[in-house]
C-alpha cells in the first residue's frame, strides 16, 4: 500500500515573524505567526492543494495563490503551461498561444496583471501590425488568444473579476478600416498544375494529393489514415479519422471514399491495419531506388561491390559528423507540405515550370468543384462543415447561374 504524501508544514519565519508554508518549492507567507488569519489561510491553501485540475500537466506548475502583485509575465507563463497540458506540447494551438503571448510578455512582462486593460491590449495589437508585420486576420486571431488567457486567469481568481470582460471591448480589426495588411486569399489549385507535379513526388505523397483532390479532407486527416479506420463493408468505404479538428466538441467525422479514392489507397493496404498508410520511410526508399543504376539512364556500367562499400562508408562518415533525424512513421501537415514543395523544385530543375502551391488549396479545389456540380449543401457535407457560411470560404462562388440569368434578362 502506497504511503500518503505528508502535508506542507505550518512554520515560523523568525526573520519576519510571519507564518510560512512551502508548497511545490515555493514559500508562501500567511501573515503574523500564530494569528487566526494565518491559520485560516494555511487551512485554505491545504484544501485547495487537494483539488486536482481536470487537465494536469506532467510537471505541474507551482501552486497558484491570488496575489495582487502578480505580473503579466507570470500570468503568461501559467497560461502557457495550461495550454501545454490541455492541447499537448506540440499541438498547433499551443504554438499559437505561445506566439500570441510573446509580445504581451515583451511589452508588459513586469506590469501587474490587474493593470493590463483595453488600452494595453491595443498597444500590443499595434505592435503586431507595425513591428511584426502580421496580416489583419492573424492579428485578430492572436488578440483573441490573449483575451482567452485573461479570461482563464479570471476563472482561476488570479486577476480581479470583470477584467477579462473589459478586454472584450477591444473588437477585431475590420477590413479596409485598419493599417494592417490583408492576407492573400487561398485559391483553388487547377488540376493541370497538380497533374504536372505528381511525377516529381514520391508515390505516398502522390496518393495523398489524389485523395485530397477526390475527398476534400484536411491535410492532417490524410496524414493519419490507417486501414483500421476505414470501413470497407460497402461499395463506398467510410473513413473515420482517429482524431480531427472538431473532435473535442464531441463531433464525429466520416469521409466517404468512392471507387477512385479506393483505387488510390488499395496499394497501401498490404500492411498492419494499425500502421499509417503513407510513410516517409517508404518515400525515402523509393528515392534511393531511383538513384540506382536501373533508374539512371546516363550510367553505362553496373555497380560493383567495392562501390557499394564505399557508398556505405561515406554515408556512415556523414552521419557521424552531422546527426540526421530519422524518418518518422507518418507525415504531418508540415512535412507533407514540404514534400510537395520539394517536388515542385525538382520539376523546375527539370525545366518544368510549375507555380508553387500547398495542400490546403486541394481542399478548396474539391469544395469548388462539388459546389459547382451539386450546390452549396453538398459542398458543406463533403467538407464536413456544420454551417454553410464556413463552406463559403472554401468553395468559390459559381457564377455560371448568374451569367445565364444575365444573358437572358440582359
Protein backbone atom coordinates (compact mmCIF):
# COMPACT_ATOMS: atom_id res chain seq x y z
CA UNK A 1 0.00 0.00 0.00
CA UNK A 2 1.46 3.37 -1.02
CA UNK A 3 2.29 5.91 1.67
CA UNK A 4 0.38 9.19 1.73
CA UNK A 5 2.48 12.24 0.97
CA UNK A 6 2.99 14.44 4.03
CA UNK A 7 1.24 17.79 4.17
CA UNK A 8 3.31 21.01 3.99
CA UNK A 9 4.04 22.26 7.49
CA UNK A 10 2.91 25.49 9.11
CA UNK A 11 6.25 27.04 10.10
CA UNK A 12 7.62 30.20 11.71
CA UNK A 13 9.81 32.54 9.68
CA UNK A 14 11.79 34.13 12.50
CA UNK A 15 13.31 36.95 10.45
CA UNK A 16 9.93 38.45 9.60
CA UNK A 17 7.79 36.99 12.35
CA UNK A 18 5.34 35.60 9.79
CA UNK A 19 3.90 32.16 9.36
CA UNK A 20 5.12 30.36 6.27
CA UNK A 21 4.27 27.25 4.26
CA UNK A 22 6.23 25.76 1.38
CA UNK A 23 4.14 24.29 -1.46
CA UNK A 24 5.72 22.89 -4.64
CA UNK A 25 9.05 24.53 -3.80
CA UNK A 26 7.56 28.00 -3.27
CA UNK A 27 7.41 29.83 0.08
CA UNK A 28 4.01 31.38 0.81
CA UNK A 29 3.74 33.82 3.70
CA UNK A 30 0.48 33.63 5.64
CA UNK A 31 0.59 36.63 7.95
CA UNK A 32 1.54 37.02 11.64
CA UNK A 33 2.69 33.71 13.09
CA UNK A 34 0.05 32.16 15.35
CA UNK A 35 -2.74 34.53 14.33
CA UNK A 36 -6.19 33.13 13.44
CA UNK A 37 -5.89 34.68 9.96
CA UNK A 38 -2.66 32.81 9.24
CA UNK A 39 -4.16 29.50 10.37
CA UNK A 40 -7.25 30.15 8.24
CA UNK A 41 -5.16 30.88 5.14
CA UNK A 42 -2.99 27.84 5.80
CA UNK A 43 -6.06 25.59 6.03
CA UNK A 44 -7.48 27.08 2.84
CA UNK A 45 -4.21 26.51 0.93
CA UNK A 46 -4.02 22.90 2.06
CA UNK A 47 -7.63 22.35 0.99
CA UNK A 48 -7.07 23.98 -2.41
CA UNK A 49 -3.93 21.91 -2.89
CA UNK A 50 -6.01 18.74 -2.73
CA UNK A 51 -8.20 19.84 -5.67
CA UNK A 52 -6.74 18.25 -8.83
CA UNK A 53 -7.48 20.20 -12.05
CA UNK A 54 -9.11 18.43 -14.96
CA UNK A 55 -6.03 18.82 -17.18
CA UNK A 56 -2.98 18.08 -15.05
CA UNK A 57 0.38 18.59 -16.79
CA UNK A 58 3.14 16.03 -16.41
CA UNK A 59 5.14 18.58 -14.37
CA UNK A 60 2.52 20.74 -12.61
CA UNK A 61 3.28 24.42 -12.16
CA UNK A 62 3.73 25.85 -8.68
CA UNK A 63 0.55 26.28 -6.67
CA UNK A 64 -1.26 29.50 -7.54
CA UNK A 65 -2.25 31.91 -4.83
CA UNK A 66 -4.29 35.01 -5.61
CA UNK A 67 -1.78 37.83 -5.47
CA UNK A 68 -2.44 41.49 -6.28
CA UNK A 69 1.23 41.78 -7.30
CA UNK A 70 1.01 39.01 -9.92
CA UNK A 71 2.78 40.23 -13.05
CA UNK A 72 1.72 39.81 -16.65
CA UNK A 73 4.81 37.67 -17.23
CA UNK A 74 3.75 35.24 -14.50
CA UNK A 75 0.23 35.09 -15.92
CA UNK A 76 1.62 34.38 -19.40
CA UNK A 77 3.77 31.55 -18.04
CA UNK A 78 0.90 29.95 -16.17
CA UNK A 79 -1.46 30.10 -19.14
CA UNK A 80 1.20 28.64 -21.42
CA UNK A 81 1.63 25.72 -19.02
CA UNK A 82 -2.14 25.29 -19.01
CA UNK A 83 -2.22 25.28 -22.82
CA UNK A 84 0.52 22.64 -22.99
CA UNK A 85 -1.38 20.45 -20.53
CA UNK A 86 -4.70 20.93 -22.36
CA UNK A 87 -3.72 20.75 -26.03
CA UNK A 88 -0.34 18.98 -25.87
CA UNK A 89 3.20 20.33 -26.00
CA UNK A 90 3.48 20.05 -29.80
CA UNK A 91 -0.07 21.00 -30.72
CA UNK A 92 -0.73 23.76 -33.22
CA UNK A 93 -2.91 25.64 -30.73
CA UNK A 94 -0.13 25.57 -28.11
CA UNK A 95 2.25 27.17 -30.59
CA UNK A 96 -0.44 29.74 -31.41
CA UNK A 97 -0.79 30.62 -27.72
CA UNK A 98 2.97 30.99 -27.39
CA UNK A 99 3.23 33.33 -30.39
CA UNK A 100 0.24 35.41 -29.28
CA UNK A 101 1.52 35.93 -25.74
CA UNK A 102 5.13 36.70 -26.67
CA UNK A 103 4.59 40.45 -27.40
CA UNK A 104 2.42 40.73 -24.28
CA UNK A 105 5.32 39.45 -22.20
CA UNK A 106 7.87 41.61 -24.06
CA UNK A 107 5.91 44.84 -23.58
CA UNK A 108 4.18 44.28 -20.22
CA UNK A 109 6.01 41.38 -18.59
CA UNK A 110 6.82 43.33 -15.39
CA UNK A 111 3.46 45.13 -15.22
CA UNK A 112 0.90 43.99 -12.67
CA UNK A 113 -1.62 41.73 -14.38
CA UNK A 114 -4.54 43.62 -12.82
CA UNK A 115 -3.34 46.79 -14.58
CA UNK A 116 -3.44 45.26 -18.08
CA UNK A 117 -6.52 46.82 -19.65
CA UNK A 118 -8.04 47.56 -23.07
CA UNK A 119 -5.52 50.31 -23.86
CA UNK A 120 -2.64 47.92 -23.13
CA UNK A 121 -4.19 45.34 -25.44
CA UNK A 122 -4.47 47.94 -28.19
CA UNK A 123 -0.77 48.75 -27.78
CA UNK A 124 0.07 45.07 -28.18
CA UNK A 125 -2.17 44.88 -31.24
CA UNK A 126 -0.46 47.88 -32.83
CA UNK A 127 2.92 46.25 -32.11
CA UNK A 128 1.76 43.20 -34.08
CA UNK A 129 0.84 45.43 -37.02
CA UNK A 130 3.85 47.75 -37.14
CA UNK A 131 6.72 45.66 -35.78
CA UNK A 132 5.74 42.07 -36.53
CA UNK A 133 4.00 43.00 -39.82
CA UNK A 134 1.19 40.49 -39.31
CA UNK A 135 -1.87 40.43 -41.53
CA UNK A 136 -5.26 41.51 -40.21
CA UNK A 137 -6.67 38.01 -39.80
CA UNK A 138 -3.63 36.80 -37.87
CA UNK A 139 -3.73 39.87 -35.60
CA UNK A 140 -7.38 39.14 -34.78
CA UNK A 141 -6.58 35.50 -34.01
CA UNK A 142 -3.75 36.42 -31.66
CA UNK A 143 -5.75 39.10 -29.88
CA UNK A 144 -8.49 36.53 -29.33
CA UNK A 145 -5.97 34.17 -27.69
CA UNK A 146 -4.75 36.99 -25.43
CA UNK A 147 -8.31 37.69 -24.29
CA UNK A 148 -8.76 33.97 -23.66
CA UNK A 149 -5.63 33.93 -21.47
CA UNK A 150 -7.01 36.69 -19.24
CA UNK A 151 -10.42 35.02 -19.16
CA UNK A 152 -8.73 31.85 -17.88
CA UNK A 153 -6.79 33.89 -15.30
CA UNK A 154 -10.04 35.43 -14.07
CA UNK A 155 -11.60 31.97 -13.72
CA UNK A 156 -8.60 30.98 -11.59
CA UNK A 157 -9.05 34.12 -9.46
CA UNK A 158 -5.63 35.44 -10.42
CA UNK A 159 -6.98 38.81 -11.56
CA UNK A 160 -10.00 40.86 -10.44
CA UNK A 161 -13.42 39.80 -11.63
CA UNK A 162 -14.55 41.71 -14.71
CA UNK A 163 -11.09 42.41 -16.13
CA UNK A 164 -11.48 39.93 -18.99
CA UNK A 165 -14.85 41.50 -19.86
CA UNK A 166 -13.13 44.85 -20.22
CA UNK A 167 -10.68 43.30 -22.71
CA UNK A 168 -13.64 42.01 -24.73
CA UNK A 169 -14.43 45.61 -25.62
CA UNK A 170 -11.39 45.59 -27.92
CA UNK A 171 -13.12 44.40 -31.08
CA UNK A 172 -11.49 42.74 -34.07
CA UNK A 173 -9.94 44.74 -36.90
CA UNK A 174 -12.28 45.34 -39.83
CA UNK A 175 -11.27 45.02 -43.45
CA UNK A 176 -10.44 48.37 -45.02
CA UNK A 177 -10.51 50.21 -41.70
CA UNK A 178 -7.07 49.42 -40.34
CA UNK A 179 -3.41 49.80 -41.20
CA UNK A 180 -2.88 46.03 -41.04
CA UNK A 181 -2.19 44.41 -44.37
CA UNK A 182 -4.61 41.91 -45.84
CA UNK A 183 -3.59 38.30 -46.39
CA UNK A 184 -3.82 36.75 -49.82
CA UNK A 185 -6.95 34.59 -50.10
CA UNK A 186 -6.42 30.86 -50.55
CA UNK A 187 -7.38 29.94 -54.11
CA UNK A 188 -8.08 26.51 -55.58
CA UNK A 189 -5.23 24.89 -57.50
CA UNK A 190 -6.10 23.79 -61.02
CA UNK A 191 -5.91 20.11 -61.92
CA UNK A 192 -3.28 20.68 -64.64
CA UNK A 193 -0.84 22.05 -62.07
CA UNK A 194 -1.47 19.10 -59.77
CA UNK A 195 -1.02 16.55 -62.55
CA UNK A 196 2.27 18.18 -63.59
CA UNK A 197 3.54 17.90 -60.00
CA UNK A 198 2.72 14.23 -59.41
CA UNK A 199 5.66 12.70 -61.39
CA UNK A 200 8.14 14.58 -59.20
CA UNK A 201 6.90 13.42 -55.79
CA UNK A 202 7.15 10.02 -54.09
CA UNK A 203 4.23 7.57 -54.52
CA UNK A 204 2.96 8.06 -50.93
CA UNK A 205 2.82 11.82 -51.44
CA UNK A 206 1.15 11.42 -54.85
CA UNK A 207 -1.51 9.20 -53.27
CA UNK A 208 -2.15 11.77 -50.53
CA UNK A 209 -2.55 14.52 -53.15
CA UNK A 210 -5.04 12.48 -55.17
CA UNK A 211 -7.03 11.63 -52.04
CA UNK A 212 -7.36 15.28 -51.11
CA UNK A 213 -8.45 16.08 -54.65
CA UNK A 214 -11.18 13.45 -54.55
CA UNK A 215 -12.43 13.84 -50.97
CA UNK A 216 -11.54 17.38 -49.83
CA UNK A 217 -10.24 16.11 -46.48
CA UNK A 218 -7.79 18.14 -44.45
CA UNK A 219 -4.02 17.55 -44.55
CA UNK A 220 -3.97 16.20 -41.01
CA UNK A 221 -6.74 13.72 -41.79
CA UNK A 222 -4.98 12.24 -44.81
CA UNK A 223 -1.67 12.04 -42.89
CA UNK A 224 -3.11 9.84 -40.11
CA UNK A 225 -5.06 7.46 -42.34
CA UNK A 226 -4.88 3.80 -41.28
CA UNK A 227 -6.61 0.70 -42.60
CA UNK A 228 -8.24 0.10 -39.21
CA UNK A 229 -10.06 3.44 -39.53
CA UNK A 230 -11.67 2.53 -42.88
CA UNK A 231 -14.97 0.63 -43.05
CA UNK A 232 -14.77 -1.40 -46.28
CA UNK A 233 -18.02 -3.32 -45.88
CA UNK A 234 -19.97 -1.34 -48.50
CA UNK A 235 -19.45 -0.23 -52.07
CA UNK A 236 -18.42 3.17 -50.75
CA UNK A 237 -15.83 2.94 -47.99
CA UNK A 238 -16.16 5.16 -44.93
CA UNK A 239 -13.03 6.64 -43.38
CA UNK A 240 -13.39 7.83 -39.79
CA UNK A 241 -10.20 9.62 -38.64
CA UNK A 242 -8.95 8.73 -35.16
CA UNK A 243 -8.76 12.45 -34.42
CA UNK A 244 -9.85 15.59 -36.24
CA UNK A 245 -10.29 19.32 -35.85
CA UNK A 246 -13.65 19.29 -34.04
CA UNK A 247 -13.24 16.05 -32.07
CA UNK A 248 -13.04 17.97 -28.78
CA UNK A 249 -16.63 19.14 -29.36
CA UNK A 250 -17.85 15.55 -29.43
CA UNK A 251 -18.44 15.59 -33.20
CA UNK A 252 -17.66 12.62 -35.43
CA UNK A 253 -16.03 12.92 -38.84
CA UNK A 254 -16.86 10.41 -41.57
CA UNK A 255 -15.33 10.70 -45.03
CA UNK A 256 -16.77 8.63 -47.88
CA UNK A 257 -14.27 7.04 -50.26
CA UNK A 258 -15.62 6.30 -53.73
CA UNK A 259 -14.18 3.93 -56.35
CA UNK A 260 -11.46 6.37 -57.46
CA UNK A 261 -10.31 7.03 -53.89
CA UNK A 262 -10.37 3.29 -53.17
CA UNK A 263 -8.10 2.66 -56.16
CA UNK A 264 -5.65 5.25 -54.81
CA UNK A 265 -5.25 3.68 -51.35
CA UNK A 266 -5.58 0.00 -52.29
CA UNK A 267 -1.81 -0.45 -52.98
CA UNK A 268 -1.12 0.80 -49.43
CA UNK A 269 -3.40 -1.65 -47.62
CA UNK A 270 -0.88 -4.54 -47.62
CA UNK A 271 0.37 -3.84 -44.09
CA UNK A 272 -0.61 -3.95 -40.46
CA UNK A 273 -4.06 -2.32 -40.10
CA UNK A 274 -2.78 -0.14 -37.25
CA UNK A 275 0.14 1.24 -39.29
CA UNK A 276 -0.19 4.57 -41.09
CA UNK A 277 -0.72 4.13 -44.82
CA UNK A 278 1.61 6.86 -46.04
CA UNK A 279 5.13 6.69 -44.63
CA UNK A 280 8.16 8.97 -45.23
CA UNK A 281 10.32 5.85 -44.82
CA UNK A 282 8.77 4.34 -47.95
CA UNK A 283 9.24 7.62 -49.80
CA UNK A 284 12.94 7.64 -48.86
CA UNK A 285 13.32 4.03 -50.05
CA UNK A 286 11.66 4.97 -53.34
CA UNK A 287 14.08 7.87 -53.84
CA UNK A 288 17.07 5.65 -53.07
CA UNK A 289 15.85 3.10 -55.59
CA UNK A 290 15.55 5.77 -58.27
CA UNK A 291 19.17 6.72 -57.67
CA UNK A 292 20.32 3.20 -58.56
CA UNK A 293 21.63 2.15 -61.97
CA UNK A 294 18.23 0.88 -63.11
CA UNK A 295 16.70 4.33 -62.89
CA UNK A 296 19.71 6.28 -64.19
CA UNK A 297 19.81 6.09 -67.99
CA UNK A 298 23.08 8.04 -68.15
CA UNK A 299 25.04 5.31 -66.37
CA UNK A 300 26.84 2.85 -68.70
CA UNK A 301 28.36 0.42 -66.19
CA UNK A 302 26.90 -1.68 -63.43
CA UNK A 303 27.51 -1.01 -59.74
CA UNK A 304 30.36 -3.11 -58.38
CA UNK A 305 30.53 -4.33 -54.72
CA UNK A 306 33.51 -2.10 -53.96
CA UNK A 307 31.49 0.95 -54.99
CA UNK A 308 28.63 -0.09 -52.75
CA UNK A 309 31.01 -0.49 -49.80
CA UNK A 310 32.46 2.97 -50.48
CA UNK A 311 28.97 4.47 -50.55
CA UNK A 312 28.08 2.87 -47.22
CA UNK A 313 31.33 4.03 -45.65
CA UNK A 314 30.87 7.62 -46.83
CA UNK A 315 27.28 7.62 -45.63
CA UNK A 316 28.35 6.47 -42.17
CA UNK A 317 31.03 9.18 -42.07
CA UNK A 318 28.45 11.83 -42.91
CA UNK A 319 26.12 10.55 -40.21
CA UNK A 320 28.92 10.68 -37.64
CA UNK A 321 29.60 14.32 -38.49
CA UNK A 322 26.02 15.53 -38.81
CA UNK A 323 23.28 13.86 -36.80
CA UNK A 324 20.42 13.31 -39.24
CA UNK A 325 16.96 12.99 -37.77
CA UNK A 326 15.47 9.59 -38.66
CA UNK A 327 12.37 9.46 -40.82
CA UNK A 328 9.09 9.39 -38.93
CA UNK A 329 6.46 6.70 -39.32
CA UNK A 330 3.98 9.13 -40.85
CA UNK A 331 3.75 12.55 -42.44
CA UNK A 332 2.37 15.57 -40.63
CA UNK A 333 0.91 18.69 -42.21
CA UNK A 334 4.27 20.45 -42.40
CA UNK A 335 6.31 17.55 -43.80
CA UNK A 336 3.55 16.82 -46.32
CA UNK A 337 3.64 20.43 -47.50
CA UNK A 338 7.44 20.37 -47.70
CA UNK A 339 7.32 17.18 -49.79
CA UNK A 340 5.12 18.94 -52.34
CA UNK A 341 7.38 21.99 -52.37
CA UNK A 342 10.39 19.72 -52.86
CA UNK A 343 8.67 18.05 -55.83
CA UNK A 344 7.89 21.42 -57.43
CA UNK A 345 11.55 22.45 -57.02
CA UNK A 346 12.64 19.23 -58.71
CA UNK A 347 10.24 19.91 -61.57
CA UNK A 348 11.68 23.39 -62.08
CA UNK A 349 15.21 21.97 -62.18
CA UNK A 350 13.96 19.67 -64.93
CA UNK A 351 12.70 22.80 -66.78
CA UNK A 352 9.04 22.09 -65.99
CA UNK A 353 7.51 25.38 -64.88
CA UNK A 354 5.02 24.73 -62.06
CA UNK A 355 3.73 27.50 -59.77
CA UNK A 356 4.19 26.81 -56.06
CA UNK A 357 1.06 25.59 -54.31
CA UNK A 358 0.24 23.98 -50.95
CA UNK A 359 -2.04 21.08 -49.97
CA UNK A 360 -4.71 23.27 -48.37
CA UNK A 361 -5.56 24.52 -51.86
CA UNK A 362 -6.67 20.98 -52.76
CA UNK A 363 -9.47 21.26 -50.19
CA UNK A 364 -10.60 24.50 -51.81
CA UNK A 365 -10.50 22.86 -55.24
CA UNK A 366 -12.67 19.96 -54.11
CA UNK A 367 -15.17 22.29 -52.41
CA UNK A 368 -15.40 24.48 -55.51
CA UNK A 369 -15.95 21.52 -57.84
CA UNK A 370 -18.60 19.92 -55.61
CA UNK A 371 -20.46 23.18 -55.22
CA UNK A 372 -20.37 23.79 -58.95
CA UNK A 373 -21.93 20.39 -59.66
CA UNK A 374 -24.21 19.74 -56.69
CA UNK A 375 -24.70 23.02 -54.82
CA UNK A 376 -23.65 24.58 -51.53
CA UNK A 377 -25.32 21.94 -49.33
CA UNK A 378 -23.38 19.11 -50.98
CA UNK A 379 -20.12 21.06 -50.57
CA UNK A 380 -20.96 21.62 -46.90
CA UNK A 381 -21.48 17.89 -46.31
CA UNK A 382 -18.42 16.92 -48.34
CA UNK A 383 -16.10 19.27 -46.46
CA UNK A 384 -17.59 18.39 -43.08
CA UNK A 385 -18.73 21.88 -42.10
CA UNK A 386 -21.52 22.46 -39.59
CA UNK A 387 -22.66 25.70 -41.24
CA UNK A 388 -22.83 26.80 -44.85
CA UNK A 389 -21.15 30.16 -44.21
CA UNK A 390 -17.90 28.33 -43.43
CA UNK A 391 -18.21 26.49 -46.72
CA UNK A 392 -18.33 29.85 -48.49
CA UNK A 393 -14.68 30.33 -47.50
CA UNK A 394 -13.58 27.07 -49.11
CA UNK A 395 -15.80 26.91 -52.18
CA UNK A 396 -15.53 29.75 -54.66
CA UNK A 397 -18.82 31.11 -55.86
CA UNK A 398 -20.03 29.56 -59.07
CA UNK A 399 -21.04 32.48 -61.33
CA UNK A 400 -22.41 30.29 -64.11
CA UNK A 401 -26.01 30.66 -62.94
CA UNK A 402 -25.69 34.44 -62.62
CA UNK A 403 -24.13 34.64 -66.10
CA UNK A 404 -27.01 32.60 -67.56
CA UNK A 405 -29.55 34.87 -65.87
CA UNK A 406 -27.76 37.99 -67.13
CA UNK A 407 -27.74 36.54 -70.64
CA UNK A 408 -31.50 36.02 -70.53
CA UNK A 409 -32.63 39.28 -68.94
CA UNK A 410 -29.78 41.48 -70.13
